[in-house]
PDB file of N, CA and C in Angstrom:
ATOM      1  N   MET A   1     -59.763  55.605 -76.202  1.00  0.00           N
ATOM      2  CA  MET A   1     -58.768  55.516 -75.158  1.00  0.00           C
ATOM      3  C   MET A   1     -59.224  54.454 -74.167  1.00  0.00           C
ATOM      4  N   SER A   2     -58.425  53.439 -73.975  1.00  0.00           N
ATOM      5  CA  SER A   2     -58.784  52.371 -73.046  1.00  0.00           C
ATOM      6  C   SER A   2     -57.833  52.391 -71.867  1.00  0.00           C
ATOM      7  N   ALA A   3     -58.393  52.208 -70.695  1.00  0.00           N
ATOM      8  CA  ALA A   3     -57.577  52.192 -69.479  1.00  0.00           C
ATOM      9  C   ALA A   3     -57.210  50.759 -69.152  1.00  0.00           C
ATOM     10  N   GLU A   4     -55.948  50.560 -68.816  1.00  0.00           N
ATOM     11  CA  GLU A   4     -55.480  49.236 -68.431  1.00  0.00           C
ATOM     12  C   GLU A   4     -55.791  49.015 -66.962  1.00  0.00           C
ATOM     13  N   PRO A   5     -56.276  47.833 -66.584  1.00  0.00           N
ATOM     14  CA  PRO A   5     -56.532  47.590 -65.164  1.00  0.00           C
ATOM     15  C   PRO A   5     -55.236  47.584 -64.371  1.00  0.00           C
ATOM     16  N   ALA A   6     -55.321  47.982 -63.121  1.00  0.00           N
ATOM     17  CA  ALA A   6     -54.135  47.993 -62.260  1.00  0.00           C
ATOM     18  C   ALA A   6     -53.653  46.563 -62.055  1.00  0.00           C
ATOM     19  N   ARG A   7     -52.356  46.405 -62.119  1.00  0.00           N
ATOM     20  CA  ARG A   7     -51.764  45.077 -61.935  1.00  0.00           C
ATOM     21  C   ARG A   7     -51.236  44.966 -60.518  1.00  0.00           C
ATOM     22  N   THR A   8     -51.427  43.818 -59.926  1.00  0.00           N
ATOM     23  CA  THR A   8     -50.858  43.562 -58.605  1.00  0.00           C
ATOM     24  C   THR A   8     -49.798  42.496 -58.743  1.00  0.00           C
ATOM     25  N   THR A   9     -48.782  42.626 -57.930  1.00  0.00           N
ATOM     26  CA  THR A   9     -47.711  41.637 -57.959  1.00  0.00           C
ATOM     27  C   THR A   9     -47.594  41.013 -56.591  1.00  0.00           C
ATOM     28  N   ASP A  10     -47.111  39.786 -56.555  1.00  0.00           N
ATOM     29  CA  ASP A  10     -46.922  39.091 -55.295  1.00  0.00           C
ATOM     30  C   ASP A  10     -45.566  39.398 -54.676  1.00  0.00           C
ATOM     31  N   ALA A  11     -44.661  39.909 -55.463  1.00  0.00           N
ATOM     32  CA  ALA A  11     -43.315  40.159 -54.972  1.00  0.00           C
ATOM     33  C   ALA A  11     -43.224  41.553 -54.360  1.00  0.00           C
ATOM     34  N   ALA A  12     -42.455  41.667 -53.292  1.00  0.00           N
ATOM     35  CA  ALA A  12     -42.223  42.963 -52.666  1.00  0.00           C
ATOM     36  C   ALA A  12     -41.211  43.725 -53.504  1.00  0.00           C
ATOM     37  N   PRO A  13     -41.309  45.052 -53.536  1.00  0.00           N
ATOM     38  CA  PRO A  13     -40.319  45.835 -54.276  1.00  0.00           C
ATOM     39  C   PRO A  13     -38.916  45.570 -53.748  1.00  0.00           C
ATOM     40  N   ALA A  14     -37.942  45.640 -54.614  1.00  0.00           N
ATOM     41  CA  ALA A  14     -36.563  45.322 -54.236  1.00  0.00           C
ATOM     42  C   ALA A  14     -36.012  46.296 -53.196  1.00  0.00           C
ATOM     43  N   SER A  15     -36.589  47.507 -53.105  1.00  0.00           N
ATOM     44  CA  SER A  15     -36.052  48.509 -52.196  1.00  0.00           C
ATOM     45  C   SER A  15     -36.549  48.346 -50.763  1.00  0.00           C
ATOM     46  N   THR A  16     -37.404  47.365 -50.511  1.00  0.00           N
ATOM     47  CA  THR A  16     -37.912  47.197 -49.159  1.00  0.00           C
ATOM     48  C   THR A  16     -36.933  46.424 -48.297  1.00  0.00           C
ATOM     49  N   GLY A  17     -36.975  46.722 -47.009  1.00  0.00           N
ATOM     50  CA  GLY A  17     -36.108  46.033 -46.064  1.00  0.00           C
ATOM     51  C   GLY A  17     -36.752  44.743 -45.594  1.00  0.00           C
ATOM     52  N   PRO A  18     -36.044  43.985 -44.767  1.00  0.00           N
ATOM     53  CA  PRO A  18     -36.560  42.695 -44.306  1.00  0.00           C
ATOM     54  C   PRO A  18     -37.873  42.814 -43.528  1.00  0.00           C
ATOM     55  N   LEU A  19     -38.007  43.848 -42.700  1.00  0.00           N
ATOM     56  CA  LEU A  19     -39.246  44.020 -41.939  1.00  0.00           C
ATOM     57  C   LEU A  19     -40.416  44.316 -42.868  1.00  0.00           C
ATOM     58  N   GLU A  20     -40.187  45.199 -43.834  1.00  0.00           N
ATOM     59  CA  GLU A  20     -41.240  45.524 -44.796  1.00  0.00           C
ATOM     60  C   GLU A  20     -41.642  44.288 -45.603  1.00  0.00           C
ATOM     61  N   GLN A  21     -40.662  43.506 -46.007  1.00  0.00           N
ATOM     62  CA  GLN A  21     -40.960  42.296 -46.773  1.00  0.00           C
ATOM     63  C   GLN A  21     -41.788  41.323 -45.947  1.00  0.00           C
ATOM     64  N   LEU A  22     -41.446  41.179 -44.668  1.00  0.00           N
ATOM     65  CA  LEU A  22     -42.195  40.302 -43.787  1.00  0.00           C
ATOM     66  C   LEU A  22     -43.636  40.785 -43.644  1.00  0.00           C
ATOM     67  N   LEU A  23     -43.810  42.074 -43.441  1.00  0.00           N
ATOM     68  CA  LEU A  23     -45.160  42.632 -43.323  1.00  0.00           C
ATOM     69  C   LEU A  23     -45.959  42.441 -44.608  1.00  0.00           C
ATOM     70  N   ILE A  24     -45.339  42.676 -45.745  1.00  0.00           N
ATOM     71  CA  ILE A  24     -46.024  42.502 -47.031  1.00  0.00           C
ATOM     72  C   ILE A  24     -46.468  41.057 -47.195  1.00  0.00           C
ATOM     73  N   GLU A  25     -45.582  40.119 -46.878  1.00  0.00           N
ATOM     74  CA  GLU A  25     -45.924  38.693 -46.997  1.00  0.00           C
ATOM     75  C   GLU A  25     -47.093  38.331 -46.089  1.00  0.00           C
ATOM     76  N   ARG A  26     -47.049  38.814 -44.856  1.00  0.00           N
ATOM     77  CA  ARG A  26     -48.123  38.483 -43.912  1.00  0.00           C
ATOM     78  C   ARG A  26     -49.446  39.123 -44.315  1.00  0.00           C
ATOM     79  N   ILE A  27     -49.403  40.339 -44.826  1.00  0.00           N
ATOM     80  CA  ILE A  27     -50.631  40.997 -45.287  1.00  0.00           C
ATOM     81  C   ILE A  27     -51.221  40.237 -46.460  1.00  0.00           C
ATOM     82  N   GLN A  28     -50.376  39.836 -47.408  1.00  0.00           N
ATOM     83  CA  GLN A  28     -50.853  39.107 -48.579  1.00  0.00           C
ATOM     84  C   GLN A  28     -51.465  37.767 -48.191  1.00  0.00           C
ATOM     85  N   LYS A  29     -50.925  37.130 -47.161  1.00  0.00           N
ATOM     86  CA  LYS A  29     -51.439  35.828 -46.713  1.00  0.00           C
ATOM     87  C   LYS A  29     -52.637  35.987 -45.774  1.00  0.00           C
ATOM     88  N   GLY A  30     -52.925  37.212 -45.370  1.00  0.00           N
ATOM     89  CA  GLY A  30     -54.006  37.438 -44.421  1.00  0.00           C
ATOM     90  C   GLY A  30     -53.636  36.960 -43.033  1.00  0.00           C
ATOM     91  N   ALA A  31     -52.345  36.912 -42.747  1.00  0.00           N
ATOM     92  CA  ALA A  31     -51.866  36.363 -41.479  1.00  0.00           C
ATOM     93  C   ALA A  31     -51.376  37.458 -40.542  1.00  0.00           C
ATOM     94  N   ILE A  32     -52.014  38.610 -40.592  1.00  0.00           N
ATOM     95  CA  ILE A  32     -51.603  39.698 -39.706  1.00  0.00           C
ATOM     96  C   ILE A  32     -52.852  40.242 -39.025  1.00  0.00           C
ATOM     97  N   GLU A  33     -52.721  40.477 -37.740  1.00  0.00           N
ATOM     98  CA  GLU A  33     -53.830  41.039 -36.985  1.00  0.00           C
ATOM     99  C   GLU A  33     -53.441  42.430 -36.520  1.00  0.00           C
ATOM    100  N   LEU A  34     -54.269  43.393 -36.831  1.00  0.00           N
ATOM    101  CA  LEU A  34     -54.006  44.754 -36.398  1.00  0.00           C
ATOM    102  C   LEU A  34     -54.636  44.962 -35.025  1.00  0.00           C
ATOM    103  N   PRO A  35     -53.955  45.712 -34.165  1.00  0.00           N
ATOM    104  CA  PRO A  35     -54.514  45.944 -32.829  1.00  0.00           C
ATOM    105  C   PRO A  35     -55.771  46.804 -32.919  1.00  0.00           C
ATOM    106  N   LEU A  36     -56.683  46.567 -31.997  1.00  0.00           N
ATOM    107  CA  LEU A  36     -57.891  47.376 -31.940  1.00  0.00           C
ATOM    108  C   LEU A  36     -57.561  48.731 -31.346  1.00  0.00           C
ATOM    109  N   LEU A  37     -58.233  49.762 -31.839  1.00  0.00           N
ATOM    110  CA  LEU A  37     -58.048  51.092 -31.281  1.00  0.00           C
ATOM    111  C   LEU A  37     -58.755  51.182 -29.935  1.00  0.00           C
ATOM    112  N   PRO A  38     -58.161  51.894 -28.994  1.00  0.00           N
ATOM    113  CA  PRO A  38     -58.882  52.122 -27.746  1.00  0.00           C
ATOM    114  C   PRO A  38     -60.180  52.870 -28.039  1.00  0.00           C
ATOM    115  N   GLN A  39     -61.139  52.742 -27.163  1.00  0.00           N
ATOM    116  CA  GLN A  39     -62.448  53.361 -27.380  1.00  0.00           C
ATOM    117  C   GLN A  39     -62.330  54.866 -27.580  1.00  0.00           C
ATOM    118  N   VAL A  40     -61.485  55.536 -26.799  1.00  0.00           N
ATOM    119  CA  VAL A  40     -61.331  56.989 -26.924  1.00  0.00           C
ATOM    120  C   VAL A  40     -60.813  57.342 -28.311  1.00  0.00           C
ATOM    121  N   ALA A  41     -59.815  56.594 -28.796  1.00  0.00           N
ATOM    122  CA  ALA A  41     -59.239  56.887 -30.108  1.00  0.00           C
ATOM    123  C   ALA A  41     -60.271  56.713 -31.213  1.00  0.00           C
ATOM    124  N   SER A  42     -61.095  55.693 -31.130  1.00  0.00           N
ATOM    125  CA  SER A  42     -62.094  55.498 -32.176  1.00  0.00           C
ATOM    126  C   SER A  42     -63.153  56.597 -32.133  1.00  0.00           C
ATOM    127  N   ARG A  43     -63.489  57.074 -30.933  1.00  0.00           N
ATOM    128  CA  ARG A  43     -64.439  58.187 -30.830  1.00  0.00           C
ATOM    129  C   ARG A  43     -63.827  59.474 -31.378  1.00  0.00           C
ATOM    130  N   ILE A  44     -62.528  59.670 -31.126  1.00  0.00           N
ATOM    131  CA  ILE A  44     -61.837  60.853 -31.652  1.00  0.00           C
ATOM    132  C   ILE A  44     -61.829  60.822 -33.177  1.00  0.00           C
ATOM    133  N   LEU A  45     -61.520  59.658 -33.750  1.00  0.00           N
ATOM    134  CA  LEU A  45     -61.523  59.546 -35.206  1.00  0.00           C
ATOM    135  C   LEU A  45     -62.897  59.855 -35.786  1.00  0.00           C
ATOM    136  N   ALA A  46     -63.938  59.393 -35.128  1.00  0.00           N
ATOM    137  CA  ALA A  46     -65.287  59.685 -35.601  1.00  0.00           C
ATOM    138  C   ALA A  46     -65.550  61.191 -35.578  1.00  0.00           C
ATOM    139  N   MET A  47     -65.087  61.860 -34.527  1.00  0.00           N
ATOM    140  CA  MET A  47     -65.288  63.311 -34.432  1.00  0.00           C
ATOM    141  C   MET A  47     -64.476  64.067 -35.470  1.00  0.00           C
ATOM    142  N   VAL A  48     -63.265  63.596 -35.739  1.00  0.00           N
ATOM    143  CA  VAL A  48     -62.402  64.278 -36.702  1.00  0.00           C
ATOM    144  C   VAL A  48     -63.058  64.323 -38.085  1.00  0.00           C
ATOM    145  N   TYR A  49     -63.767  63.276 -38.434  1.00  0.00           N
ATOM    146  CA  TYR A  49     -64.409  63.222 -39.740  1.00  0.00           C
ATOM    147  C   TYR A  49     -65.826  63.798 -39.739  1.00  0.00           C
ATOM    148  N   ASP A  50     -66.281  64.298 -38.598  1.00  0.00           N
ATOM    149  CA  ASP A  50     -67.604  64.907 -38.499  1.00  0.00           C
ATOM    150  C   ASP A  50     -67.459  66.414 -38.685  1.00  0.00           C
ATOM    151  N   PRO A  51     -68.009  66.959 -39.768  1.00  0.00           N
ATOM    152  CA  PRO A  51     -67.854  68.399 -40.012  1.00  0.00           C
ATOM    153  C   PRO A  51     -68.568  69.262 -38.969  1.00  0.00           C
ATOM    154  N   ASN A  52     -69.478  68.677 -38.194  1.00  0.00           N
ATOM    155  CA  ASN A  52     -70.205  69.436 -37.179  1.00  0.00           C
ATOM    156  C   ASN A  52     -69.617  69.273 -35.777  1.00  0.00           C
ATOM    157  N   ALA A  53     -68.498  68.582 -35.673  1.00  0.00           N
ATOM    158  CA  ALA A  53     -67.879  68.344 -34.366  1.00  0.00           C
ATOM    159  C   ALA A  53     -67.327  69.646 -33.789  1.00  0.00           C
ATOM    160  N   GLU A  54     -67.371  69.743 -32.477  1.00  0.00           N
ATOM    161  CA  GLU A  54     -66.877  70.935 -31.796  1.00  0.00           C
ATOM    162  C   GLU A  54     -65.484  70.681 -31.239  1.00  0.00           C
ATOM    163  N   ALA A  55     -64.613  71.677 -31.370  1.00  0.00           N
ATOM    164  CA  ALA A  55     -63.232  71.545 -30.909  1.00  0.00           C
ATOM    165  C   ALA A  55     -63.165  71.276 -29.408  1.00  0.00           C
ATOM    166  N   ALA A  56     -64.034  71.909 -28.631  1.00  0.00           N
ATOM    167  CA  ALA A  56     -64.015  71.718 -27.177  1.00  0.00           C
ATOM    168  C   ALA A  56     -64.339  70.270 -26.813  1.00  0.00           C
ATOM    169  N   LYS A  57     -65.280  69.656 -27.516  1.00  0.00           N
ATOM    170  CA  LYS A  57     -65.629  68.261 -27.244  1.00  0.00           C
ATOM    171  C   LYS A  57     -64.483  67.334 -27.664  1.00  0.00           C
ATOM    172  N   LEU A  58     -63.812  67.678 -28.768  1.00  0.00           N
ATOM    173  CA  LEU A  58     -62.660  66.896 -29.215  1.00  0.00           C
ATOM    174  C   LEU A  58     -61.542  66.980 -28.177  1.00  0.00           C
ATOM    175  N   ALA A  59     -61.298  68.174 -27.660  1.00  0.00           N
ATOM    176  CA  ALA A  59     -60.268  68.353 -26.632  1.00  0.00           C
ATOM    177  C   ALA A  59     -60.615  67.560 -25.380  1.00  0.00           C
ATOM    178  N   ALA A  60     -61.879  67.556 -24.996  1.00  0.00           N
ATOM    179  CA  ALA A  60     -62.299  66.806 -23.814  1.00  0.00           C
ATOM    180  C   ALA A  60     -62.060  65.309 -24.004  1.00  0.00           C
ATOM    181  N   LEU A  61     -62.319  64.817 -25.193  1.00  0.00           N
ATOM    182  CA  LEU A  61     -62.064  63.401 -25.479  1.00  0.00           C
ATOM    183  C   LEU A  61     -60.574  63.084 -25.410  1.00  0.00           C
ATOM    184  N   ILE A  62     -59.760  63.955 -25.980  1.00  0.00           N
ATOM    185  CA  ILE A  62     -58.311  63.740 -25.976  1.00  0.00           C
ATOM    186  C   ILE A  62     -57.795  63.701 -24.539  1.00  0.00           C
ATOM    187  N   HIS A  63     -58.340  64.539 -23.678  1.00  0.00           N
ATOM    188  CA  HIS A  63     -57.906  64.590 -22.273  1.00  0.00           C
ATOM    189  C   HIS A  63     -58.263  63.322 -21.510  1.00  0.00           C
ATOM    190  N   GLN A  64     -59.157  62.508 -22.023  1.00  0.00           N
ATOM    191  CA  GLN A  64     -59.532  61.261 -21.347  1.00  0.00           C
ATOM    192  C   GLN A  64     -58.431  60.205 -21.429  1.00  0.00           C
ATOM    193  N   ASP A  65     -57.534  60.354 -22.399  1.00  0.00           N
ATOM    194  CA  ASP A  65     -56.443  59.392 -22.572  1.00  0.00           C
ATOM    195  C   ASP A  65     -55.125  60.135 -22.361  1.00  0.00           C
ATOM    196  N   GLN A  66     -54.468  59.894 -21.214  1.00  0.00           N
ATOM    197  CA  GLN A  66     -53.265  60.651 -20.877  1.00  0.00           C
ATOM    198  C   GLN A  66     -52.140  60.472 -21.892  1.00  0.00           C
ATOM    199  N   ALA A  67     -51.938  59.262 -22.364  1.00  0.00           N
ATOM    200  CA  ALA A  67     -50.862  59.016 -23.331  1.00  0.00           C
ATOM    201  C   ALA A  67     -51.144  59.747 -24.643  1.00  0.00           C
ATOM    202  N   LEU A  68     -52.375  59.683 -25.089  1.00  0.00           N
ATOM    203  CA  LEU A  68     -52.750  60.370 -26.325  1.00  0.00           C
ATOM    204  C   LEU A  68     -52.632  61.877 -26.150  1.00  0.00           C
ATOM    205  N   ALA A  69     -53.067  62.400 -25.006  1.00  0.00           N
ATOM    206  CA  ALA A  69     -52.975  63.838 -24.740  1.00  0.00           C
ATOM    207  C   ALA A  69     -51.510  64.290 -24.758  1.00  0.00           C
ATOM    208  N   ALA A  70     -50.641  63.508 -24.145  1.00  0.00           N
ATOM    209  CA  ALA A  70     -49.216  63.855 -24.135  1.00  0.00           C
ATOM    210  C   ALA A  70     -48.644  63.865 -25.540  1.00  0.00           C
ATOM    211  N   HIS A  71     -49.059  62.903 -26.355  1.00  0.00           N
ATOM    212  CA  HIS A  71     -48.577  62.831 -27.741  1.00  0.00           C
ATOM    213  C   HIS A  71     -49.061  64.048 -28.534  1.00  0.00           C
ATOM    214  N   VAL A  72     -50.315  64.418 -28.376  1.00  0.00           N
ATOM    215  CA  VAL A  72     -50.865  65.581 -29.085  1.00  0.00           C
ATOM    216  C   VAL A  72     -50.128  66.846 -28.664  1.00  0.00           C
ATOM    217  N   ILE A  73     -49.863  66.979 -27.370  1.00  0.00           N
ATOM    218  CA  ILE A  73     -49.140  68.169 -26.886  1.00  0.00           C
ATOM    219  C   ILE A  73     -47.732  68.200 -27.454  1.00  0.00           C
ATOM    220  N   ARG A  74     -47.068  67.042 -27.480  1.00  0.00           N
ATOM    221  CA  ARG A  74     -45.713  66.959 -28.053  1.00  0.00           C
ATOM    222  C   ARG A  74     -45.717  67.406 -29.505  1.00  0.00           C
ATOM    223  N   ILE A  75     -46.691  66.946 -30.276  1.00  0.00           N
ATOM    224  CA  ILE A  75     -46.772  67.319 -31.686  1.00  0.00           C
ATOM    225  C   ILE A  75     -47.071  68.814 -31.828  1.00  0.00           C
ATOM    226  N   ALA A  76     -47.999  69.312 -31.007  1.00  0.00           N
ATOM    227  CA  ALA A  76     -48.371  70.724 -31.086  1.00  0.00           C
ATOM    228  C   ALA A  76     -47.199  71.626 -30.740  1.00  0.00           C
ATOM    229  N   ASN A  77     -46.342  71.170 -29.828  1.00  0.00           N
ATOM    230  CA  ASN A  77     -45.200  71.989 -29.408  1.00  0.00           C
ATOM    231  C   ASN A  77     -43.974  71.818 -30.275  1.00  0.00           C
ATOM    232  N   SER A  78     -44.000  70.874 -31.191  1.00  0.00           N
ATOM    233  CA  SER A  78     -42.817  70.644 -32.020  1.00  0.00           C
ATOM    234  C   SER A  78     -42.695  71.746 -33.067  1.00  0.00           C
ATOM    235  N   ARG A  79     -41.489  72.020 -33.414  1.00  0.00           N
ATOM    236  CA  ARG A  79     -41.214  73.030 -34.437  1.00  0.00           C
ATOM    237  C   ARG A  79     -40.639  72.349 -35.648  1.00  0.00           C
ATOM    238  N   PRO A  80     -41.082  72.737 -36.829  1.00  0.00           N
ATOM    239  CA  PRO A  80     -40.507  72.138 -38.042  1.00  0.00           C
ATOM    240  C   PRO A  80     -39.031  72.514 -38.156  1.00  0.00           C
ATOM    241  N   THR A  81     -38.257  71.570 -38.638  1.00  0.00           N
ATOM    242  CA  THR A  81     -36.817  71.825 -38.786  1.00  0.00           C
ATOM    243  C   THR A  81     -36.461  72.163 -40.195  1.00  0.00           C
TER     244      THR A  81
END
């Protein structure tokens, strides 16, 4: 049994919209810059992947960024439809 290597194509799928096509083209050309994460967000991500992280310390970090805290509260309070 032989596995075929994954094939990559330069063309965007036909079902993508104009914005998606533009993003795909820019990513393929290496002409896109992603914004840097704020320091608090990068520290939170590090804690999320740390199995020894404490919830209280994670909450304290989230509270340092008001916009992020508001977003987390909004998500926590949302109800599935």
